[in-house]
Protein backbone atom coordinates (compact mmCIF):
# COMPACT_ATOMS: atom_id res chain seq x y z
CA GLN A 1 -0.12 0.02 0.13
CA SER A 2 1.38 3.33 -0.75
CA GLY A 3 2.32 5.96 2.16
CA ARG A 4 -0.30 8.13 1.67
CA GLU A 5 -2.91 4.99 2.39
CA THR A 6 -1.24 4.35 5.33
CA GLU A 7 -1.20 7.72 6.76
CA ASP A 8 -4.90 7.91 5.83
CA ILE A 9 -5.38 4.67 7.68
CA LYS A 10 -3.44 5.90 10.71
CA ALA A 11 -5.51 9.08 10.67
CA TRP A 12 -8.70 7.56 10.60
CA SER A 13 -7.75 5.02 13.31
CA GLY A 14 -6.69 7.59 15.74
CA GLN A 15 -3.28 5.81 16.32
CA TRP A 16 -0.31 7.73 15.04
CA HIS A 17 2.79 6.07 15.76
CA ASP A 18 6.52 5.30 15.16
CA GLY A 19 6.25 2.12 13.39
CA ASN A 20 4.88 0.10 16.28
CA CYS A 21 1.47 -1.11 15.78
CA GLY A 22 -0.41 0.37 18.64
CA CYS A 23 -3.26 -2.00 17.93
CA GLU A 24 -3.28 -2.98 21.59
CA HIS A 25 -5.07 0.41 22.25
CA MET A 26 -7.53 -0.07 19.69
CA ASN A 27 -10.90 -2.19 20.52
CA MET A 28 -11.96 -5.22 18.59
CA SER A 29 -14.30 -3.39 16.08
CA ARG A 30 -11.84 -0.82 15.27
CA LYS A 31 -9.22 -3.66 14.56
CA LEU A 32 -11.90 -5.61 12.31
CA LEU A 33 -12.86 -2.36 10.49
CA LEU A 34 -9.13 -1.38 9.84
CA ALA A 35 -8.41 -5.13 8.53
CA ALA A 36 -11.42 -4.96 6.00
CA CYS A 37 -10.54 -1.55 4.91
CA LEU A 38 -6.84 -2.99 4.29
CA THR A 39 -8.21 -5.96 2.51
CA LEU A 40 -10.63 -3.77 0.20
CA ALA A 41 -7.72 -1.55 -0.68
CA ALA A 42 -5.72 -4.67 -1.80
CA CYS A 43 -8.65 -6.00 -3.88
CA GLU A 44 -8.82 -2.68 -5.73
CA ARG A 45 -5.78 -3.31 -7.46
CA GLN A 46 -6.10 -6.24 -9.38
CA ALA A 47 -6.53 -6.12 -13.04
CA PRO A 48 -10.38 -5.95 -14.16
CA GLU A 49 -10.89 -9.63 -15.32
CA ALA A 50 -14.72 -10.64 -15.60
CA GLU A 51 -16.46 -13.23 -17.55
CA VAL A 52 -19.91 -12.01 -18.70
CA ALA A 53 -22.85 -14.33 -18.92
CA LYS A 54 -24.59 -15.12 -22.18
CA GLY A 55 -28.07 -13.52 -20.79
CA GLU A 56 -26.04 -10.25 -20.03
CA VAL A 57 -25.83 -8.84 -23.89
CA ALA A 58 -28.42 -6.17 -23.23
CA ALA A 59 -25.79 -4.60 -20.46
CA LEU A 60 -22.86 -5.15 -22.89
CA LEU A 61 -21.04 -2.10 -25.08
CA SER A 62 -20.76 -3.06 -28.41
CA GLY A 63 -17.54 -0.79 -28.38
CA PHE A 64 -15.87 1.56 -25.97
CA ALA A 65 -12.99 3.73 -24.90
CA MET A 66 -10.37 2.14 -22.36
CA ALA A 67 -11.30 5.02 -20.02
CA ASP A 68 -15.15 4.06 -20.02
CA PRO A 69 -15.96 2.69 -16.53
CA GLN A 70 -18.68 0.44 -17.73
CA ALA A 71 -16.21 -1.37 -19.79
CA ALA A 72 -13.87 -2.92 -16.96
CA LYS A 73 -16.43 -5.86 -16.86
CA GLN A 74 -15.91 -6.65 -20.72
CA MET A 75 -12.32 -6.63 -20.52
CA THR A 76 -11.59 -10.32 -20.10
CA HIS A 77 -8.06 -10.85 -19.84
CA GLY A 78 -4.66 -9.11 -20.61
CA PHE A 79 -5.84 -5.55 -20.05
CA TYR A 80 -3.46 -3.43 -17.41
CA GLY A 81 -4.58 -0.37 -15.45
CA LEU A 82 -6.05 2.53 -16.96
CA GLU A 83 -3.25 5.26 -17.99
CA ASN A 84 -4.07 8.53 -19.40
CA GLY A 85 -7.22 7.20 -21.28
CA TRP A 86 -5.58 4.11 -22.59
CA ARG A 87 -4.33 0.94 -21.33
CA TRP A 88 -1.14 -1.33 -22.05
CA VAL A 89 -2.02 -5.13 -22.99
CA ALA A 90 -0.03 -8.24 -22.75
CA SER A 91 0.59 -10.38 -25.90
CA ASN A 92 -3.02 -12.08 -25.30
CA PHE A 93 -5.79 -10.08 -24.58
CA GLY A 94 -9.53 -10.51 -24.92
CA VAL A 95 -12.81 -8.38 -24.75
CA THR A 96 -16.69 -9.61 -24.74
CA LEU A 97 -18.90 -7.29 -27.21
CA ALA A 98 -22.66 -6.99 -27.62
CA PRO A 99 -23.15 -7.39 -31.15
CA PRO A 100 -24.32 -4.27 -33.17
CA GLU A 101 -27.57 -4.18 -34.96
CA GLY A 102 -27.00 -4.77 -38.75
CA ALA A 103 -26.12 -7.53 -41.07
CA ALA A 104 -22.40 -6.49 -41.64
CA THR A 105 -20.22 -5.89 -38.89
CA GLN A 106 -16.61 -4.65 -38.54
CA LEU A 107 -14.09 -5.12 -35.74
CA GLU A 108 -11.87 -2.06 -35.02
CA LEU A 109 -9.21 -1.75 -32.41
CA GLN A 110 -7.44 1.68 -31.92
CA LEU A 111 -3.95 1.04 -30.79
CA VAL A 112 -0.52 2.53 -30.61
CA LEU A 113 2.69 0.44 -31.19
CA PRO A 114 5.22 2.06 -28.92
CA ALA A 115 8.78 3.02 -30.19
CA THR A 116 10.29 1.34 -27.39
CA VAL A 117 8.71 -1.77 -28.38
CA LEU A 118 9.38 -1.62 -32.26
CA GLU A 119 13.06 -0.45 -31.42
CA ARG A 120 13.48 -3.83 -29.50
CA LEU A 121 11.33 -5.98 -31.07
CA GLY A 122 10.92 -4.98 -34.60
CA ALA A 123 7.46 -5.23 -36.49
CA VAL A 124 4.63 -6.58 -34.65
CA THR A 125 1.98 -8.74 -36.01
CA LEU A 126 -1.56 -8.76 -34.54
CA SER A 127 -4.17 -11.38 -35.05
CA ALA A 128 -7.87 -11.81 -33.83
CA THR A 129 -10.55 -14.16 -33.57
CA VAL A 130 -14.22 -13.41 -33.19
CA ASN A 131 -16.34 -16.20 -31.69
CA GLY A 132 -13.43 -18.69 -32.58
CA THR A 133 -13.07 -17.25 -36.23
CA ALA A 134 -9.66 -16.09 -37.16
CA LEU A 135 -9.34 -12.77 -38.92
CA ALA A 136 -6.65 -11.68 -41.30
CA PRO A 137 -3.46 -10.52 -39.15
CA ALA A 138 -1.99 -7.11 -39.52
CA THR A 139 1.91 -6.40 -39.29
CA TYR A 140 2.85 -2.82 -37.86
CA LYS A 141 6.30 -1.69 -39.13
CA THR A 142 6.27 1.87 -37.84
CA SER A 143 5.40 3.06 -34.31
CA GLY A 144 2.62 5.46 -33.67
CA SER A 145 -1.21 5.27 -33.83
CA GLN A 146 -2.59 2.46 -35.69
CA VAL A 147 -6.23 1.11 -36.22
CA TYR A 148 -6.88 -2.58 -36.79
CA THR A 149 -9.91 -2.95 -38.74
CA ARG A 150 -11.46 -6.55 -40.31
CA ASP A 151 -14.82 -7.15 -41.51
CA VAL A 152 -16.45 -10.06 -39.48
CA GLY A 153 -20.13 -10.63 -41.08
CA LYS A 154 -23.12 -10.89 -39.07
CA VAL A 155 -22.47 -11.69 -35.32
CA GLY A 156 -24.66 -12.54 -32.33
CA PRO A 157 -27.27 -12.63 -31.02
CA GLY A 158 -25.33 -13.65 -28.12
CA PRO A 159 -22.21 -11.98 -26.75
CA VAL A 160 -19.25 -11.89 -28.95
CA ASN A 161 -16.06 -13.01 -27.84
CA VAL A 162 -12.94 -11.34 -29.32
CA GLU A 163 -9.46 -12.77 -28.73
CA PHE A 164 -6.25 -10.66 -29.69
CA SER A 165 -2.69 -12.04 -29.92
CA THR A 166 0.73 -10.33 -30.86
CA ASP A 167 3.65 -12.26 -32.22
CA LYS A 168 6.00 -10.52 -29.80
CA ALA A 169 6.06 -8.46 -26.49
CA LEU A 170 8.42 -7.08 -24.18
CA PRO A 171 8.98 -9.67 -21.47
CA PRO A 172 8.37 -8.36 -17.61
CA GLY A 173 11.58 -7.02 -16.44
CA GLU A 174 13.16 -5.27 -19.28
CA ILE A 175 11.43 -1.93 -18.52
CA ASP A 176 8.48 -2.84 -16.60
CA VAL A 177 7.26 -5.65 -14.47
CA ARG A 178 4.42 -6.51 -16.93
CA GLU A 179 4.53 -8.19 -20.42
CA LEU A 180 3.94 -5.34 -22.78
CA ALA A 181 2.74 -5.66 -26.21
CA LEU A 182 0.81 -2.81 -27.28
CA ILE A 183 -1.26 0.44 -26.07
CA VAL A 184 -5.04 0.30 -26.54
CA SER A 185 -7.38 3.32 -26.70
CA HIS A 186 -10.70 1.88 -28.04
CA VAL A 187 -12.41 -1.58 -29.11
CA GLY A 188 -15.54 -2.10 -30.86
CA LEU A 189 -17.74 -3.68 -33.52
CA ILE A 190 -19.27 -1.25 -35.75
CA ALA A 191 -22.45 -1.80 -38.29
CA LYS A 192 -21.53 -1.32 -41.47
């Protein structure tokens, strides 16, 4: 936990101390409440990984920006915390989307290939599947903003599972403790 959170908890509990717990002066209900607060603070830091049940299509978005708070439940795996409206992703990441209305659909992923990734790894190829059907990959040879767009035909009526993968990623430890592949700002299915 951060130093600021520790100060807040100490101030709230009324126990300022020099590193000793001081818990012997707290009554049992304060100890339990403090333990619950610490547990909740730890849980909030976990990456949003949730599964969407088939009956929840009405609650799903067909597309979303990474900063959209409603979208966290639709990021099934491989996404890291929000940073200035975008998220780093690992080499394998996925979302569940609502099918848009219309006969023809297009998948769109707005991404950035960071110069650091390109300099260390070279060109990066992105592949995707929609409900298990492979789409044509795209290879990115220049850093900067990119858009991966593929026609997917009609999808639905249930939730649409989209899986992405890259052929390369910076391994944990080189520049970060996370595996880093791309930066993503938006993903969605668009009716054509």
